[in-house]
Amino acid sequence: MLKKINLGIICLFYFGAGCNHFIHPVNYIKIIPPYFPYKEAINYISGSLEVIAAQLMLFASTRKYGMYLIIFLLVAFIPAHVYLIQLRGCVSKDFCFSEWMAWVRLFPLQFILMWWAYKTWKVWQ
């Protein structure tokens, strides 16, 4: 039962996070470092990939690919988290939190999320 609850939570988490890229694109676009071109495209592609990852995690035959996609995305998001640290946690007056929280989002949260994706896949093997 706990396996199913965990699977449901991870799927909802990434589905919701992916949809949020379309609902609030400005917040995501602002944390993409300035040296990346095509920020809007990056935002929508990463949001779409998060939604796809959530759907891949639903099915046993594709769960491994979902896990790999989640880990790939979390690694790909590291430059945005580093940039957020450089901005001291404040992208705008509407999207601002403490600087220590920006550090937590990078260390350890990104790695905990990678571990969570791996463990979710591993439990179902």
Protein backbone atom coordinates (compact mmCIF):
# COMPACT_ATOMS: atom_id res chain seq x y z
CA MET A 1 0.00 0.00 0.00
CA LEU A 2 2.84 2.44 0.86
CA LYS A 3 4.46 1.66 -2.49
CA LYS A 4 1.31 2.77 -4.29
CA ILE A 5 1.00 5.92 -2.19
CA ASN A 6 4.65 6.82 -2.86
CA LEU A 7 4.19 6.18 -6.58
CA GLY A 8 1.07 8.34 -6.63
CA ILE A 9 2.84 11.16 -4.81
CA ILE A 10 5.87 11.18 -7.12
CA CYS A 11 3.64 11.10 -10.20
CA LEU A 12 1.47 13.95 -8.91
CA PHE A 13 4.55 15.91 -7.84
CA TYR A 14 6.18 15.84 -11.28
CA PHE A 15 2.89 16.20 -13.15
CA GLY A 16 2.06 19.28 -11.07
CA ALA A 17 5.57 20.71 -11.40
CA GLY A 18 5.45 20.21 -15.17
CA CYS A 19 2.04 21.86 -15.48
CA ASN A 20 3.28 24.77 -13.38
CA HIS A 21 5.78 25.60 -16.15
CA PHE A 22 2.74 26.43 -18.31
CA ILE A 23 0.68 28.12 -15.59
CA HIS A 24 3.49 30.36 -14.24
CA PRO A 25 6.13 30.45 -16.99
CA VAL A 26 7.58 33.82 -15.95
CA ASN A 27 8.91 32.45 -12.65
CA TYR A 28 10.73 29.64 -14.41
CA ILE A 29 12.03 31.77 -17.25
CA LYS A 30 13.55 34.23 -14.77
CA ILE A 31 15.68 31.56 -13.09
CA ILE A 32 17.14 30.27 -16.35
CA PRO A 33 20.69 31.65 -16.43
CA PRO A 34 21.29 34.47 -18.93
CA TYR A 35 23.82 32.43 -20.91
CA PHE A 36 21.06 30.05 -22.08
CA PRO A 37 19.28 31.12 -25.27
CA TYR A 38 15.60 30.35 -26.01
CA LYS A 39 14.46 30.58 -22.40
CA GLU A 40 10.76 30.20 -23.22
CA ALA A 41 11.43 27.05 -25.22
CA ILE A 42 13.59 25.65 -22.41
CA ASN A 43 10.79 26.32 -19.93
CA TYR A 44 8.07 24.65 -22.00
CA ILE A 45 10.24 21.70 -22.99
CA SER A 46 11.31 21.05 -19.40
CA GLY A 47 7.71 21.34 -18.22
CA SER A 48 6.57 18.91 -20.92
CA LEU A 49 9.33 16.48 -19.97
CA GLU A 50 8.29 16.60 -16.32
CA VAL A 51 4.71 15.74 -17.31
CA ILE A 52 6.00 12.90 -19.52
CA ALA A 53 8.23 11.63 -16.70
CA ALA A 54 5.23 11.52 -14.36
CA GLN A 55 3.27 9.51 -16.90
CA LEU A 56 6.18 7.14 -17.53
CA MET A 57 6.41 6.46 -13.79
CA LEU A 58 2.80 5.24 -13.77
CA PHE A 59 3.43 2.06 -15.72
CA ALA A 60 5.75 -0.79 -14.79
CA SER A 61 7.01 -1.18 -18.36
CA THR A 62 8.10 2.49 -18.58
CA ARG A 63 8.90 3.31 -14.95
CA LYS A 64 12.64 2.87 -15.45
CA TYR A 65 12.60 5.45 -18.26
CA GLY A 66 10.58 7.80 -16.09
CA MET A 67 13.17 7.47 -13.33
CA TYR A 68 16.01 8.18 -15.74
CA LEU A 69 14.15 11.18 -17.18
CA ILE A 70 13.52 12.62 -13.71
CA ILE A 71 17.18 12.26 -12.76
CA PHE A 72 18.26 13.78 -16.10
CA LEU A 73 15.95 16.76 -15.54
CA LEU A 74 17.16 17.28 -11.98
CA VAL A 75 20.75 17.37 -13.22
CA ALA A 76 19.75 19.71 -16.05
CA PHE A 77 18.10 22.06 -13.53
CA ILE A 78 21.31 22.51 -11.51
CA PRO A 79 22.43 25.63 -13.46
CA ALA A 80 19.08 27.28 -12.66
CA HIS A 81 19.54 26.54 -8.96
CA VAL A 82 23.09 27.90 -9.03
CA TYR A 83 21.79 31.04 -10.75
CA LEU A 84 19.09 31.34 -8.09
CA ILE A 85 21.83 31.26 -5.44
CA GLN A 86 23.69 33.98 -7.34
CA LEU A 87 20.47 36.03 -7.24
CA ARG A 88 20.38 35.45 -3.46
CA GLY A 89 17.01 33.74 -3.75
CA CYS A 90 15.19 36.71 -5.29
CA VAL A 91 14.15 36.62 -8.90
CA SER A 92 11.52 39.34 -8.49
CA LYS A 93 9.36 40.84 -5.76
CA ASP A 94 6.78 38.13 -6.47
CA PHE A 95 9.29 35.27 -6.46
CA CYS A 96 11.68 35.78 -3.58
CA PHE A 97 12.69 33.66 -0.62
CA SER A 98 15.62 33.51 1.76
CA GLU A 99 19.09 32.87 0.40
CA TRP A 100 19.53 29.77 2.56
CA MET A 101 16.43 28.29 0.92
CA ALA A 102 18.09 28.71 -2.49
CA TRP A 103 21.01 26.67 -1.16
CA VAL A 104 18.65 23.98 0.22
CA ARG A 105 16.98 23.69 -3.19
CA LEU A 106 20.36 22.77 -4.64
CA PHE A 107 21.96 20.95 -1.69
CA PRO A 108 20.44 18.59 -0.56
CA LEU A 109 17.00 18.79 -2.22
CA GLN A 110 18.08 18.03 -5.81
CA PHE A 111 19.93 14.94 -4.64
CA ILE A 112 17.09 13.80 -2.37
CA LEU A 113 14.72 14.06 -5.34
CA MET A 114 17.11 11.98 -7.47
CA TRP A 115 17.29 9.37 -4.71
CA TRP A 116 13.48 9.40 -4.40
CA ALA A 117 13.04 8.72 -8.13
CA TYR A 118 15.59 5.90 -8.00
CA LYS A 119 14.09 4.32 -4.87
CA THR A 120 10.57 4.55 -6.29
CA TRP A 121 11.68 2.66 -9.38
CA LYS A 122 13.79 0.19 -7.37
CA VAL A 123 10.95 -0.70 -4.97
CA TRP A 124 8.80 -1.86 -7.90
CA GLN A 125 11.49 -4.20 -9.29
